[in-house]
Amino acid sequence: MAKKQANSKFMKPMKISEELAAVLGDKGPLPRTEVTKKLWAYIKKHKRQDPDNRRNIIPDEKLAKVFGGKRAINMFDMTKKVNNHLS
């Protein structure tokens, strides 16, 4: 029996922009799942979550380059912004 291919897009290694590589500490290529894991590790290590609303991320200088600004960003909008840095 053949393996499921449903998650193949998530597992496909992607090229990473310089801005995102600076945050992740890895120039890739990496699958989306690994990008997400490393991004959350960075956010938690540098305490970038809003303490009042943990769904919001408060970007530092590196994250602002990925997210396109200094304003807080919702974790769901974050995925859209990160996708712009993957090819």
N, C-alpha and C. Protein backbone atom coordinates (compact mmCIF):
# COMPACT_ATOMS: atom_id res chain seq x y z
N MET A 1 0.83 -1.19 0.00
CA MET A 1 0.00 0.00 0.00
C MET A 1 0.88 1.26 0.00
N ALA A 2 0.54 2.23 -0.83
CA ALA A 2 1.33 3.46 -0.95
C ALA A 2 1.08 4.37 0.24
N LYS A 3 2.12 5.15 0.59
CA LYS A 3 1.98 6.11 1.68
C LYS A 3 1.13 7.29 1.22
N LYS A 4 0.46 7.93 2.18
CA LYS A 4 -0.33 9.13 1.88
C LYS A 4 0.61 10.26 1.47
N GLN A 5 0.16 11.06 0.50
CA GLN A 5 0.94 12.21 0.05
C GLN A 5 0.32 13.53 0.50
N ALA A 6 -0.65 13.48 1.39
CA ALA A 6 -1.39 14.67 1.80
C ALA A 6 -0.50 15.78 2.34
N ASN A 7 0.53 15.45 3.10
CA ASN A 7 1.38 16.46 3.72
C ASN A 7 2.66 16.72 2.94
N SER A 8 2.74 16.25 1.70
CA SER A 8 3.98 16.38 0.95
C SER A 8 4.40 17.84 0.76
N LYS A 9 3.44 18.77 0.60
CA LYS A 9 3.81 20.18 0.44
C LYS A 9 4.42 20.75 1.71
N PHE A 10 3.94 20.30 2.85
CA PHE A 10 4.50 20.79 4.12
C PHE A 10 5.89 20.23 4.37
N MET A 11 6.16 19.05 3.83
CA MET A 11 7.44 18.40 4.08
C MET A 11 8.50 18.74 3.02
N LYS A 12 8.08 19.37 1.92
CA LYS A 12 9.01 19.73 0.86
C LYS A 12 9.95 20.83 1.34
N PRO A 13 11.27 20.63 1.25
CA PRO A 13 12.20 21.69 1.66
C PRO A 13 12.02 22.94 0.79
N MET A 14 11.96 24.08 1.46
CA MET A 14 11.74 25.36 0.79
C MET A 14 12.98 26.24 0.95
N LYS A 15 13.21 27.10 -0.06
CA LYS A 15 14.27 28.11 0.06
C LYS A 15 13.78 29.18 1.02
N ILE A 16 14.69 29.72 1.81
CA ILE A 16 14.34 30.69 2.85
C ILE A 16 15.02 32.02 2.55
N SER A 17 14.27 33.11 2.71
CA SER A 17 14.85 34.44 2.48
C SER A 17 15.92 34.74 3.53
N GLU A 18 16.76 35.72 3.21
CA GLU A 18 17.82 36.11 4.15
C GLU A 18 17.24 36.62 5.47
N GLU A 19 16.13 37.37 5.38
CA GLU A 19 15.51 37.92 6.59
C GLU A 19 15.02 36.81 7.51
N LEU A 20 14.36 35.81 6.93
CA LEU A 20 13.85 34.69 7.73
C LEU A 20 15.00 33.83 8.24
N ALA A 21 16.02 33.64 7.43
CA ALA A 21 17.19 32.85 7.85
C ALA A 21 17.86 33.48 9.07
N ALA A 22 17.87 34.82 9.13
CA ALA A 22 18.47 35.52 10.27
C ALA A 22 17.72 35.20 11.56
N VAL A 23 16.41 35.04 11.46
CA VAL A 23 15.59 34.71 12.64
C VAL A 23 15.77 33.24 13.01
N LEU A 24 15.73 32.37 12.01
CA LEU A 24 15.77 30.93 12.27
C LEU A 24 17.17 30.43 12.63
N GLY A 25 18.20 31.16 12.19
CA GLY A 25 19.56 30.69 12.42
C GLY A 25 19.90 29.53 11.51
N ASP A 26 19.21 29.43 10.37
CA ASP A 26 19.40 28.32 9.43
C ASP A 26 19.06 28.83 8.04
N LYS A 27 19.96 28.63 7.09
CA LYS A 27 19.74 29.12 5.73
C LYS A 27 18.93 28.16 4.89
N GLY A 28 18.64 26.97 5.43
CA GLY A 28 17.78 26.01 4.74
C GLY A 28 18.47 25.35 3.57
N PRO A 29 17.72 24.76 2.68
CA PRO A 29 16.27 24.69 2.63
C PRO A 29 15.67 23.85 3.77
N LEU A 30 14.47 24.26 4.20
CA LEU A 30 13.77 23.58 5.29
C LEU A 30 12.31 23.37 4.90
N PRO A 31 11.70 22.29 5.41
CA PRO A 31 10.25 22.14 5.21
C PRO A 31 9.49 23.16 6.06
N ARG A 32 8.27 23.48 5.66
CA ARG A 32 7.45 24.45 6.40
C ARG A 32 7.31 24.08 7.87
N THR A 33 7.17 22.80 8.14
CA THR A 33 7.00 22.35 9.53
C THR A 33 8.20 22.75 10.37
N GLU A 34 9.38 22.59 9.82
CA GLU A 34 10.61 22.94 10.55
C GLU A 34 10.75 24.45 10.69
N VAL A 35 10.35 25.20 9.67
CA VAL A 35 10.38 26.67 9.73
C VAL A 35 9.49 27.13 10.88
N THR A 36 8.28 26.58 10.96
CA THR A 36 7.34 26.95 12.02
C THR A 36 7.91 26.61 13.39
N LYS A 37 8.48 25.44 13.52
CA LYS A 37 9.05 25.01 14.80
C LYS A 37 10.17 25.95 15.25
N LYS A 38 11.08 26.28 14.33
CA LYS A 38 12.20 27.16 14.67
C LYS A 38 11.73 28.59 14.95
N LEU A 39 10.72 29.04 14.21
CA LEU A 39 10.19 30.38 14.42
C LEU A 39 9.58 30.50 15.81
N TRP A 40 8.80 29.50 16.23
CA TRP A 40 8.21 29.53 17.56
C TRP A 40 9.27 29.42 18.65
N ALA A 41 10.32 28.66 18.39
CA ALA A 41 11.43 28.56 19.36
C ALA A 41 12.05 29.94 19.56
N TYR A 42 12.24 30.70 18.46
CA TYR A 42 12.80 32.04 18.53
C TYR A 42 11.86 32.96 19.32
N ILE A 43 10.56 32.91 18.98
CA ILE A 43 9.58 33.77 19.64
C ILE A 43 9.56 33.52 21.15
N LYS A 44 9.59 32.28 21.55
CA LYS A 44 9.56 31.95 22.98
C LYS A 44 10.87 32.30 23.67
N LYS A 45 11.99 32.00 23.02
CA LYS A 45 13.30 32.30 23.61
C LYS A 45 13.48 33.79 23.87
N HIS A 46 12.99 34.61 22.93
CA HIS A 46 13.15 36.06 23.04
C HIS A 46 11.93 36.76 23.63
N LYS A 47 10.98 35.95 24.15
CA LYS A 47 9.79 36.47 24.84
C LYS A 47 9.06 37.52 23.98
N ARG A 48 8.71 37.13 22.76
CA ARG A 48 8.06 38.04 21.83
C ARG A 48 6.53 37.93 21.84
N GLN A 49 5.97 37.02 22.66
CA GLN A 49 4.51 36.93 22.75
C GLN A 49 3.99 38.01 23.67
N ASP A 50 2.86 38.60 23.31
CA ASP A 50 2.20 39.60 24.13
C ASP A 50 1.70 38.90 25.40
N PRO A 51 2.14 39.34 26.58
CA PRO A 51 1.72 38.67 27.81
C PRO A 51 0.21 38.78 28.09
N ASP A 52 -0.44 39.82 27.58
CA ASP A 52 -1.88 40.01 27.79
C ASP A 52 -2.72 39.21 26.81
N ASN A 53 -2.22 39.05 25.59
CA ASN A 53 -2.93 38.28 24.56
C ASN A 53 -1.88 37.44 23.85
N ARG A 54 -1.73 36.20 24.27
CA ARG A 54 -0.64 35.34 23.80
C ARG A 54 -0.78 34.96 22.32
N ARG A 55 -1.90 35.32 21.70
CA ARG A 55 -2.04 35.07 20.26
C ARG A 55 -1.32 36.12 19.43
N ASN A 56 -0.89 37.20 20.07
CA ASN A 56 -0.19 38.28 19.36
C ASN A 56 1.31 38.16 19.56
N ILE A 57 2.03 38.44 18.49
CA ILE A 57 3.50 38.43 18.53
C ILE A 57 3.96 39.88 18.39
N ILE A 58 4.85 40.29 19.28
CA ILE A 58 5.41 41.63 19.24
C ILE A 58 6.81 41.51 18.62
N PRO A 59 6.95 41.95 17.37
CA PRO A 59 8.22 41.73 16.67
C PRO A 59 9.37 42.57 17.22
N ASP A 60 10.54 41.94 17.27
CA ASP A 60 11.76 42.69 17.53
C ASP A 60 12.29 43.11 16.16
N GLU A 61 13.52 43.60 16.09
CA GLU A 61 14.05 44.12 14.83
C GLU A 61 14.10 43.04 13.75
N LYS A 62 14.56 41.83 14.11
CA LYS A 62 14.66 40.74 13.13
C LYS A 62 13.28 40.29 12.65
N LEU A 63 12.35 40.11 13.57
CA LEU A 63 11.01 39.66 13.19
C LEU A 63 10.27 40.72 12.37
N ALA A 64 10.52 42.00 12.65
CA ALA A 64 9.87 43.09 11.92
C ALA A 64 10.21 43.00 10.43
N LYS A 65 11.43 42.57 10.10
CA LYS A 65 11.82 42.44 8.69
C LYS A 65 11.03 41.32 8.01
N VAL A 66 10.69 40.29 8.76
CA VAL A 66 9.92 39.17 8.21
C VAL A 66 8.44 39.54 8.13
N PHE A 67 7.92 40.19 9.17
CA PHE A 67 6.49 40.49 9.26
C PHE A 67 6.10 41.77 8.55
N GLY A 68 7.09 42.56 8.14
CA GLY A 68 6.80 43.77 7.39
C GLY A 68 6.38 44.95 8.25
N GLY A 69 6.86 45.02 9.46
CA GLY A 69 6.54 46.17 10.31
C GLY A 69 6.78 45.91 11.77
N LYS A 70 6.69 46.95 12.56
CA LYS A 70 6.96 46.88 14.00
C LYS A 70 5.72 46.61 14.82
N ARG A 71 4.53 46.65 14.21
CA ARG A 71 3.29 46.45 14.96
C ARG A 71 3.13 44.99 15.35
N ALA A 72 2.39 44.77 16.43
CA ALA A 72 2.07 43.40 16.85
C ALA A 72 1.28 42.71 15.75
N ILE A 73 1.49 41.40 15.64
CA ILE A 73 0.83 40.63 14.59
C ILE A 73 0.19 39.39 15.22
N ASN A 74 -0.99 39.07 14.75
CA ASN A 74 -1.71 37.89 15.23
C ASN A 74 -0.99 36.65 14.72
N MET A 75 -0.94 35.59 15.54
CA MET A 75 -0.21 34.38 15.15
C MET A 75 -0.74 33.77 13.85
N PHE A 76 -2.01 33.99 13.53
CA PHE A 76 -2.58 33.44 12.30
C PHE A 76 -2.15 34.26 11.08
N ASP A 77 -2.01 35.57 11.24
CA ASP A 77 -1.51 36.42 10.16
C ASP A 77 -0.02 36.20 9.94
N MET A 78 0.66 35.78 11.00
CA MET A 78 2.09 35.53 10.93
C MET A 78 2.42 34.50 9.84
N THR A 79 1.59 33.46 9.72
CA THR A 79 1.83 32.40 8.73
C THR A 79 1.84 32.97 7.32
N LYS A 80 0.91 33.88 7.03
CA LYS A 80 0.84 34.50 5.70
C LYS A 80 2.13 35.28 5.40
N LYS A 81 2.60 36.02 6.40
CA LYS A 81 3.81 36.82 6.22
C LYS A 81 5.02 35.93 6.01
N VAL A 82 5.12 34.84 6.77
CA VAL A 82 6.25 33.92 6.65
C VAL A 82 6.26 33.26 5.28
N ASN A 83 5.09 32.94 4.75
CA ASN A 83 5.00 32.30 3.42
C ASN A 83 5.62 33.16 2.34
N ASN A 84 5.62 34.49 2.52
CA ASN A 84 6.25 35.39 1.55
C ASN A 84 7.76 35.24 1.53
N HIS A 85 8.32 34.60 2.56
CA HIS A 85 9.77 34.44 2.66
C HIS A 85 10.21 33.02 2.30
N LEU A 86 9.28 32.22 1.78
CA LEU A 86 9.58 30.85 1.36
C LEU A 86 9.35 30.73 -0.14
N SER A 87 10.23 29.99 -0.79
CA SER A 87 10.04 29.76 -2.22
C SER A 87 10.51 28.36 -2.59
